[in-house]
Amino acid sequence: MNETKRNRLSGIVLDASIEVHRNLGPGLLESVYESCLYSELTDRNIACKRQVDLPIHYKGKRLDEKLVLDILVEDEIIIELKSC
């Protein structure tokens, strides 16, 4: 994906994130924001996946641990939600 498309996509992700926060407000669980953001992105016809397992390789070895991405957007943008 070229930089122009990536910038456009990141703008859509930011706008969708603001829309979710505007509707829900602060203080909820990360899982709630994740579900709503996923819904918002798919409503905007953005291809994304939730809870994506990503294997970890270290010095040529695949480790038993894995990284779990909250949302992966069009195989380009990783969203890791945090709530406090």
PDB file of N, CA and C in Angstrom:
ATOM      1  N   MET A   1       0.855  -1.177   0.000  1.00  0.00           N
ATOM      2  CA  MET A   1       0.000   0.000   0.000  1.00  0.00           C
ATOM      3  C   MET A   1       0.897   1.234   0.000  1.00  0.00           C
ATOM      4  N   ASN A   2       0.573   2.184  -0.856  1.00  0.00           N
ATOM      5  CA  ASN A   2       1.402   3.383  -0.907  1.00  0.00           C
ATOM      6  C   ASN A   2       1.058   4.340   0.237  1.00  0.00           C
ATOM      7  N   GLU A   3       1.906   5.308   0.420  1.00  0.00           N
ATOM      8  CA  GLU A   3       1.773   6.215   1.568  1.00  0.00           C
ATOM      9  C   GLU A   3       0.480   7.015   1.527  1.00  0.00           C
ATOM     10  N   THR A   4       0.040   7.431   0.366  1.00  0.00           N
ATOM     11  CA  THR A   4      -1.196   8.200   0.245  1.00  0.00           C
ATOM     12  C   THR A   4      -2.396   7.374   0.705  1.00  0.00           C
ATOM     13  N   LYS A   5      -2.468   6.127   0.267  1.00  0.00           N
ATOM     14  CA  LYS A   5      -3.568   5.246   0.678  1.00  0.00           C
ATOM     15  C   LYS A   5      -3.501   4.955   2.178  1.00  0.00           C
ATOM     16  N   ARG A   6      -2.288   4.752   2.696  1.00  0.00           N
ATOM     17  CA  ARG A   6      -2.117   4.481   4.126  1.00  0.00           C
ATOM     18  C   ARG A   6      -2.553   5.697   4.949  1.00  0.00           C
ATOM     19  N   ASN A   7      -2.214   6.889   4.505  1.00  0.00           N
ATOM     20  CA  ASN A   7      -2.629   8.101   5.210  1.00  0.00           C
ATOM     21  C   ASN A   7      -4.139   8.267   5.185  1.00  0.00           C
ATOM     22  N   ARG A   8      -4.760   7.968   4.041  1.00  0.00           N
ATOM     23  CA  ARG A   8      -6.220   8.035   3.935  1.00  0.00           C
ATOM     24  C   ARG A   8      -6.867   7.032   4.884  1.00  0.00           C
ATOM     25  N   LEU A   9      -6.313   5.823   4.903  1.00  0.00           N
ATOM     26  CA  LEU A   9      -6.840   4.779   5.774  1.00  0.00           C
ATOM     27  C   LEU A   9      -6.676   5.152   7.248  1.00  0.00           C
ATOM     28  N   SER A  10      -5.529   5.696   7.611  1.00  0.00           N
ATOM     29  CA  SER A  10      -5.318   6.080   9.012  1.00  0.00           C
ATOM     30  C   SER A  10      -6.269   7.209   9.408  1.00  0.00           C
ATOM     31  N   GLY A  11      -6.606   8.086   8.472  1.00  0.00           N
ATOM     32  CA  GLY A  11      -7.591   9.133   8.752  1.00  0.00           C
ATOM     33  C   GLY A  11      -8.967   8.553   9.020  1.00  0.00           C
ATOM     34  N   ILE A  12      -9.344   7.525   8.262  1.00  0.00           N
ATOM     35  CA  ILE A  12     -10.631   6.854   8.481  1.00  0.00           C
ATOM     36  C   ILE A  12     -10.643   6.176   9.843  1.00  0.00           C
ATOM     37  N   VAL A  13      -9.538   5.526  10.210  1.00  0.00           N
ATOM     38  CA  VAL A  13      -9.440   4.857  11.513  1.00  0.00           C
ATOM     39  C   VAL A  13      -9.569   5.883  12.635  1.00  0.00           C
ATOM     40  N   LEU A  14      -8.887   7.004  12.501  1.00  0.00           N
ATOM     41  CA  LEU A  14      -8.969   8.056  13.526  1.00  0.00           C
ATOM     42  C   LEU A  14     -10.393   8.596  13.632  1.00  0.00           C
ATOM     43  N   ASP A  15     -11.025   8.861  12.511  1.00  0.00           N
ATOM     44  CA  ASP A  15     -12.391   9.364  12.512  1.00  0.00           C
ATOM     45  C   ASP A  15     -13.354   8.356  13.146  1.00  0.00           C
ATOM     46  N   ALA A  16     -13.185   7.086  12.821  1.00  0.00           N
ATOM     47  CA  ALA A  16     -14.035   6.041  13.402  1.00  0.00           C
ATOM     48  C   ALA A  16     -13.814   5.947  14.914  1.00  0.00           C
ATOM     49  N   SER A  17     -12.569   6.082  15.345  1.00  0.00           N
ATOM     50  CA  SER A  17     -12.257   6.031  16.779  1.00  0.00           C
ATOM     51  C   SER A  17     -12.915   7.188  17.533  1.00  0.00           C
ATOM     52  N   ILE A  18     -12.866   8.369  16.940  1.00  0.00           N
ATOM     53  CA  ILE A  18     -13.505   9.535  17.555  1.00  0.00           C
ATOM     54  C   ILE A  18     -15.013   9.339  17.619  1.00  0.00           C
ATOM     55  N   GLU A  19     -15.581   8.771  16.572  1.00  0.00           N
ATOM     56  CA  GLU A  19     -17.027   8.520  16.551  1.00  0.00           C
ATOM     57  C   GLU A  19     -17.433   7.559  17.674  1.00  0.00           C
ATOM     58  N   VAL A  20     -16.646   6.514  17.874  1.00  0.00           N
ATOM     59  CA  VAL A  20     -16.942   5.563  18.952  1.00  0.00           C
ATOM     60  C   VAL A  20     -16.855   6.261  20.301  1.00  0.00           C
ATOM     61  N   HIS A  21     -15.811   7.035  20.510  1.00  0.00           N
ATOM     62  CA  HIS A  21     -15.653   7.726  21.800  1.00  0.00           C
ATOM     63  C   HIS A  21     -16.758   8.749  22.006  1.00  0.00           C
ATOM     64  N   ARG A  22     -17.142   9.433  20.953  1.00  0.00           N
ATOM     65  CA  ARG A  22     -18.213  10.422  21.048  1.00  0.00           C
ATOM     66  C   ARG A  22     -19.523   9.758  21.475  1.00  0.00           C
ATOM     67  N   ASN A  23     -19.771   8.560  20.983  1.00  0.00           N
ATOM     68  CA  ASN A  23     -21.021   7.868  21.302  1.00  0.00           C
ATOM     69  C   ASN A  23     -20.996   7.154  22.644  1.00  0.00           C
ATOM     70  N   LEU A  24     -19.846   6.616  23.032  1.00  0.00           N
ATOM     71  CA  LEU A  24     -19.771   5.823  24.264  1.00  0.00           C
ATOM     72  C   LEU A  24     -19.250   6.606  25.463  1.00  0.00           C
ATOM     73  N   GLY A  25     -18.378   7.578  25.197  1.00  0.00           N
ATOM     74  CA  GLY A  25     -17.747   8.301  26.294  1.00  0.00           C
ATOM     75  C   GLY A  25     -16.639   7.473  26.922  1.00  0.00           C
ATOM     76  N   PRO A  26     -16.054   7.984  27.992  1.00  0.00           N
ATOM     77  CA  PRO A  26     -14.926   7.311  28.640  1.00  0.00           C
ATOM     78  C   PRO A  26     -15.373   6.270  29.669  1.00  0.00           C
ATOM     79  N   GLY A  27     -14.409   5.428  30.081  1.00  0.00           N
ATOM     80  CA  GLY A  27     -14.597   4.587  31.253  1.00  0.00           C
ATOM     81  C   GLY A  27     -15.102   3.176  31.036  1.00  0.00           C
ATOM     82  N   LEU A  28     -15.271   2.746  29.805  1.00  0.00           N
ATOM     83  CA  LEU A  28     -15.762   1.387  29.566  1.00  0.00           C
ATOM     84  C   LEU A  28     -14.595   0.428  29.381  1.00  0.00           C
ATOM     85  N   LEU A  29     -14.897  -0.846  29.316  1.00  0.00           N
ATOM     86  CA  LEU A  29     -13.878  -1.866  29.099  1.00  0.00           C
ATOM     87  C   LEU A  29     -13.335  -1.785  27.678  1.00  0.00           C
ATOM     88  N   GLU A  30     -12.076  -2.180  27.525  1.00  0.00           N
ATOM     89  CA  GLU A  30     -11.454  -2.189  26.206  1.00  0.00           C
ATOM     90  C   GLU A  30     -12.239  -3.049  25.227  1.00  0.00           C
ATOM     91  N   SER A  31     -12.778  -4.159  25.702  1.00  0.00           N
ATOM     92  CA  SER A  31     -13.516  -5.065  24.815  1.00  0.00           C
ATOM     93  C   SER A  31     -14.750  -4.383  24.214  1.00  0.00           C
ATOM     94  N   VAL A  32     -15.366  -3.477  24.955  1.00  0.00           N
ATOM     95  CA  VAL A  32     -16.529  -2.746  24.437  1.00  0.00           C
ATOM     96  C   VAL A  32     -16.098  -1.801  23.324  1.00  0.00           C
ATOM     97  N   TYR A  33     -15.027  -1.049  23.568  1.00  0.00           N
ATOM     98  CA  TYR A  33     -14.520  -0.139  22.536  1.00  0.00           C
ATOM     99  C   TYR A  33     -14.063  -0.916  21.293  1.00  0.00           C
ATOM    100  N   GLU A  34     -13.433  -2.060  21.523  1.00  0.00           N
ATOM    101  CA  GLU A  34     -12.971  -2.881  20.405  1.00  0.00           C
ATOM    102  C   GLU A  34     -14.143  -3.331  19.542  1.00  0.00           C
ATOM    103  N   SER A  35     -15.174  -3.827  20.178  1.00  0.00           N
ATOM    104  CA  SER A  35     -16.349  -4.307  19.450  1.00  0.00           C
ATOM    105  C   SER A  35     -16.996  -3.172  18.657  1.00  0.00           C
ATOM    106  N   CYS A  36     -17.125  -2.026  19.276  1.00  0.00           N
ATOM    107  CA  CYS A  36     -17.764  -0.890  18.608  1.00  0.00           C
ATOM    108  C   CYS A  36     -16.890  -0.317  17.490  1.00  0.00           C
ATOM    109  N   LEU A  37     -15.584  -0.256  17.716  1.00  0.00           N
ATOM    110  CA  LEU A  37     -14.690   0.243  16.670  1.00  0.00           C
ATOM    111  C   LEU A  37     -14.680  -0.710  15.479  1.00  0.00           C
ATOM    112  N   TYR A  38     -14.653  -1.990  15.751  1.00  0.00           N
ATOM    113  CA  TYR A  38     -14.723  -2.980  14.668  1.00  0.00           C
ATOM    114  C   TYR A  38     -16.012  -2.779  13.863  1.00  0.00           C
ATOM    115  N   SER A  39     -17.112  -2.607  14.548  1.00  0.00           N
ATOM    116  CA  SER A  39     -18.398  -2.385  13.892  1.00  0.00           C
ATOM    117  C   SER A  39     -18.367  -1.106  13.060  1.00  0.00           C
ATOM    118  N   GLU A  40     -17.816  -0.052  13.624  1.00  0.00           N
ATOM    119  CA  GLU A  40     -17.736   1.234  12.925  1.00  0.00           C
ATOM    120  C   GLU A  40     -16.892   1.112  11.650  1.00  0.00           C
ATOM    121  N   LEU A  41     -15.773   0.414  11.752  1.00  0.00           N
ATOM    122  CA  LEU A  41     -14.903   0.255  10.579  1.00  0.00           C
ATOM    123  C   LEU A  41     -15.565  -0.596   9.500  1.00  0.00           C
ATOM    124  N   THR A  42     -16.194  -1.695   9.898  1.00  0.00           N
ATOM    125  CA  THR A  42     -16.840  -2.549   8.900  1.00  0.00           C
ATOM    126  C   THR A  42     -18.037  -1.831   8.271  1.00  0.00           C
ATOM    127  N   ASP A  43     -18.731  -0.991   9.046  1.00  0.00           N
ATOM    128  CA  ASP A  43     -19.820  -0.191   8.476  1.00  0.00           C
ATOM    129  C   ASP A  43     -19.301   0.771   7.407  1.00  0.00           C
ATOM    130  N   ARG A  44     -18.032   1.146   7.521  1.00  0.00           N
ATOM    131  CA  ARG A  44     -17.409   2.041   6.534  1.00  0.00           C
ATOM    132  C   ARG A  44     -16.704   1.249   5.424  1.00  0.00           C
ATOM    133  N   ASN A  45     -17.003  -0.033   5.358  1.00  0.00           N
ATOM    134  CA  ASN A  45     -16.439  -0.927   4.330  1.00  0.00           C
ATOM    135  C   ASN A  45     -14.915  -1.022   4.390  1.00  0.00           C
ATOM    136  N   ILE A  46     -14.379  -0.996   5.604  1.00  0.00           N
ATOM    137  CA  ILE A  46     -12.953  -1.167   5.825  1.00  0.00           C
ATOM    138  C   ILE A  46     -12.721  -2.614   6.256  1.00  0.00           C
ATOM    139  N   ALA A  47     -11.847  -3.311   5.556  1.00  0.00           N
ATOM    140  CA  ALA A  47     -11.533  -4.705   5.885  1.00  0.00           C
ATOM    141  C   ALA A  47     -10.692  -4.739   7.153  1.00  0.00           C
ATOM    142  N   CYS A  48     -11.179  -5.452   8.155  1.00  0.00           N
ATOM    143  CA  CYS A  48     -10.419  -5.565   9.401  1.00  0.00           C
ATOM    144  C   CYS A  48     -10.751  -6.887  10.091  1.00  0.00           C
ATOM    145  N   LYS A  49      -9.841  -7.276  10.996  1.00  0.00           N
ATOM    146  CA  LYS A  49      -9.993  -8.518  11.758  1.00  0.00           C
ATOM    147  C   LYS A  49      -9.749  -8.202  13.228  1.00  0.00           C
ATOM    148  N   ARG A  50     -10.435  -8.943  14.089  1.00  0.00           N
ATOM    149  CA  ARG A  50     -10.267  -8.778  15.540  1.00  0.00           C
ATOM    150  C   ARG A  50      -9.471  -9.940  16.119  1.00  0.00           C
ATOM    151  N   GLN A  51      -8.714  -9.634  17.176  1.00  0.00           N
ATOM    152  CA  GLN A  51      -7.982 -10.640  17.953  1.00  0.00           C
ATOM    153  C   GLN A  51      -7.140 -11.544  17.045  1.00  0.00           C
ATOM    154  N   VAL A  52      -6.266 -10.931  16.299  1.00  0.00           N
ATOM    155  CA  VAL A  52      -5.420 -11.634  15.337  1.00  0.00           C
ATOM    156  C   VAL A  52      -4.153 -12.131  16.036  1.00  0.00           C
ATOM    157  N   ASP A  53      -3.916 -13.436  15.968  1.00  0.00           N
ATOM    158  CA  ASP A  53      -2.689 -14.027  16.535  1.00  0.00           C
ATOM    159  C   ASP A  53      -1.521 -13.760  15.603  1.00  0.00           C
ATOM    160  N   LEU A  54      -0.450 -13.251  16.169  1.00  0.00           N
ATOM    161  CA  LEU A  54       0.761 -12.986  15.408  1.00  0.00           C
ATOM    162  C   LEU A  54       1.907 -13.736  16.072  1.00  0.00           C
ATOM    163  N   PRO A  55       2.502 -14.696  15.377  1.00  0.00           N
ATOM    164  CA  PRO A  55       3.590 -15.468  15.991  1.00  0.00           C
ATOM    165  C   PRO A  55       4.811 -14.578  16.231  1.00  0.00           C
ATOM    166  N   ILE A  56       5.591 -14.950  17.217  1.00  0.00           N
ATOM    167  CA  ILE A  56       6.812 -14.220  17.542  1.00  0.00           C
ATOM    168  C   ILE A  56       8.002 -15.092  17.166  1.00  0.00           C
ATOM    169  N   HIS A  57       8.887 -14.517  16.367  1.00  0.00           N
ATOM    170  CA  HIS A  57      10.129 -15.186  15.983  1.00  0.00           C
ATOM    171  C   HIS A  57      11.287 -14.423  16.611  1.00  0.00           C
ATOM    172  N   TYR A  58      12.195 -15.158  17.208  1.00  0.00           N
ATOM    173  CA  TYR A  58      13.359 -14.538  17.844  1.00  0.00           C
ATOM    174  C   TYR A  58      14.595 -15.334  17.472  1.00  0.00           C
ATOM    175  N   LYS A  59      15.538 -14.660  16.821  1.00  0.00           N
ATOM    176  CA  LYS A  59      16.788 -15.281  16.402  1.00  0.00           C
ATOM    177  C   LYS A  59      16.550 -16.591  15.640  1.00  0.00           C
ATOM    178  N   GLY A  60      15.606 -16.542  14.725  1.00  0.00           N
ATOM    179  CA  GLY A  60      15.344 -17.688  13.867  1.00  0.00           C
ATOM    180  C   GLY A  60      14.457 -18.763  14.472  1.00  0.00           C
ATOM    181  N   LYS A  61      14.028 -18.563  15.719  1.00  0.00           N
ATOM    182  CA  LYS A  61      13.153 -19.553  16.364  1.00  0.00           C
ATOM    183  C   LYS A  61      11.762 -18.962  16.564  1.00  0.00           C
ATOM    184  N   ARG A  62      10.778 -19.801  16.332  1.00  0.00           N
ATOM    185  CA  ARG A  62       9.398 -19.393  16.630  1.00  0.00           C
ATOM    186  C   ARG A  62       9.124 -19.723  18.092  1.00  0.00           C
ATOM    187  N   LEU A  63       8.736 -18.709  18.851  1.00  0.00           N
ATOM    188  CA  LEU A  63       8.482 -18.892  20.272  1.00  0.00           C
ATOM    189  C   LEU A  63       7.050 -19.358  20.520  1.00  0.00           C
ATOM    190  N   ASP A  64       6.834 -19.964  21.674  1.00  0.00           N
ATOM    191  CA  ASP A  64       5.494 -20.425  22.034  1.00  0.00           C
ATOM    192  C   ASP A  64       4.544 -19.250  22.282  1.00  0.00           C
ATOM    193  N   GLU A  65       5.081 -18.152  22.747  1.00  0.00           N
ATOM    194  CA  GLU A  65       4.263 -16.963  22.983  1.00  0.00           C
ATOM    195  C   GLU A  65       3.812 -16.371  21.656  1.00  0.00           C
ATOM    196  N   LYS A  66       2.716 -15.657  21.701  1.00  0.00           N
ATOM    197  CA  LYS A  66       2.247 -14.969  20.499  1.00  0.00           C
ATOM    198  C   LYS A  66       1.718 -13.597  20.899  1.00  0.00           C
ATOM    199  N   LEU A  67       1.719 -12.725  19.952  1.00  0.00           N
ATOM    200  CA  LEU A  67       1.157 -11.400  20.132  1.00  0.00           C
ATOM    201  C   LEU A  67      -0.267 -11.453  19.603  1.00  0.00           C
ATOM    202  N   VAL A  68      -1.205 -10.881  20.333  1.00  0.00           N
ATOM    203  CA  VAL A  68      -2.589 -10.845  19.877  1.00  0.00           C
ATOM    204  C   VAL A  68      -2.947  -9.391  19.591  1.00  0.00           C
ATOM    205  N   LEU A  69      -3.207  -9.103  18.325  1.00  0.00           N
ATOM    206  CA  LEU A  69      -3.566  -7.754  17.904  1.00  0.00           C
ATOM    207  C   LEU A  69      -5.046  -7.522  18.155  1.00  0.00           C
ATOM    208  N   ASP A  70      -5.396  -6.392  18.741  1.00  0.00           N
ATOM    209  CA  ASP A  70      -6.815  -6.101  18.970  1.00  0.00           C
ATOM    210  C   ASP A  70      -7.563  -6.014  17.643  1.00  0.00           C
ATOM    211  N   ILE A  71      -7.095  -5.143  16.755  1.00  0.00           N
ATOM    212  CA  ILE A  71      -7.712  -5.005  15.432  1.00  0.00           C
ATOM    213  C   ILE A  71      -6.596  -4.810  14.402  1.00  0.00           C
ATOM    214  N   LEU A  72      -6.674  -5.540  13.311  1.00  0.00           N
ATOM    215  CA  LEU A  72      -5.767  -5.369  12.187  1.00  0.00           C
ATOM    216  C   LEU A  72      -6.581  -4.830  11.025  1.00  0.00           C
ATOM    217  N   VAL A  73      -6.207  -3.650  10.555  1.00  0.00           N
ATOM    218  CA  VAL A  73      -6.963  -2.963   9.509  1.00  0.00           C
ATOM    219  C   VAL A  73      -6.247  -3.125   8.172  1.00  0.00           C
ATOM    220  N   GLU A  74      -6.925  -3.785   7.243  1.00  0.00           N
ATOM    221  CA  GLU A  74      -6.438  -3.998   5.877  1.00  0.00           C
ATOM    222  C   GLU A  74      -4.984  -4.459   5.825  1.00  0.00           C
ATOM    223  N   ASP A  75      -4.598  -5.284   6.783  1.00  0.00           N
ATOM    224  CA  ASP A  75      -3.237  -5.827   6.870  1.00  0.00           C
ATOM    225  C   ASP A  75      -2.165  -4.740   6.861  1.00  0.00           C
ATOM    226  N   GLU A  76      -2.519  -3.529   7.280  1.00  0.00           N
ATOM    227  CA  GLU A  76      -1.598  -2.397   7.255  1.00  0.00           C
ATOM    228  C   GLU A  76      -1.475  -1.683   8.598  1.00  0.00           C
ATOM    229  N   ILE A  77      -2.563  -1.572   9.314  1.00  0.00           N
ATOM    230  CA  ILE A  77      -2.589  -0.772  10.553  1.00  0.00           C
ATOM    231  C   ILE A  77      -2.994  -1.664  11.714  1.00  0.00           C
ATOM    232  N   ILE A  78      -2.195  -1.616  12.770  1.00  0.00           N
ATOM    233  CA  ILE A  78      -2.484  -2.354  13.994  1.00  0.00           C
ATOM    234  C   ILE A  78      -3.098  -1.395  14.994  1.00  0.00           C
ATOM    235  N   ILE A  79      -4.241  -1.786  15.545  1.00  0.00           N
ATOM    236  CA  ILE A  79      -4.881  -0.985  16.592  1.00  0.00           C
ATOM    237  C   ILE A  79      -4.800  -1.766  17.895  1.00  0.00           C
ATOM    238  N   GLU A  80      -4.196  -1.169  18.890  1.00  0.00           N
ATOM    239  CA  GLU A  80      -4.124  -1.724  20.237  1.00  0.00           C
ATOM    240  C   GLU A  80      -4.894  -0.761  21.146  1.00  0.00           C
ATOM    241  N   LEU A  81      -6.071  -1.190  21.566  1.00  0.00           N
ATOM    242  CA  LEU A  81      -6.913  -0.313  22.370  1.00  0.00           C
ATOM    243  C   LEU A  81      -6.476  -0.317  23.830  1.00  0.00           C
ATOM    244  N   LYS A  82      -6.591   0.849  24.445  1.00  0.00           N
ATOM    245  CA  LYS A  82      -6.328   1.002  25.880  1.00  0.00           C
ATOM    246  C   LYS A  82      -7.431   1.837  26.477  1.00  0.00           C
ATOM    247  N   SER A  83      -7.807   1.485  27.678  1.00  0.00           N
ATOM    248  CA  SER A  83      -8.850   2.213  28.380  1.00  0.00           C
ATOM    249  C   SER A  83      -8.438   2.380  29.832  1.00  0.00           C
ATOM    250  N   CYS A  84      -8.807   3.507  30.399  1.00  0.00           N
ATOM    251  CA  CYS A  84      -8.505   3.705  31.818  1.00  0.00           C
ATOM    252  C   CYS A  84      -9.676   4.365  32.506  1.00  0.00           C
TER     253      CYS A  84
END
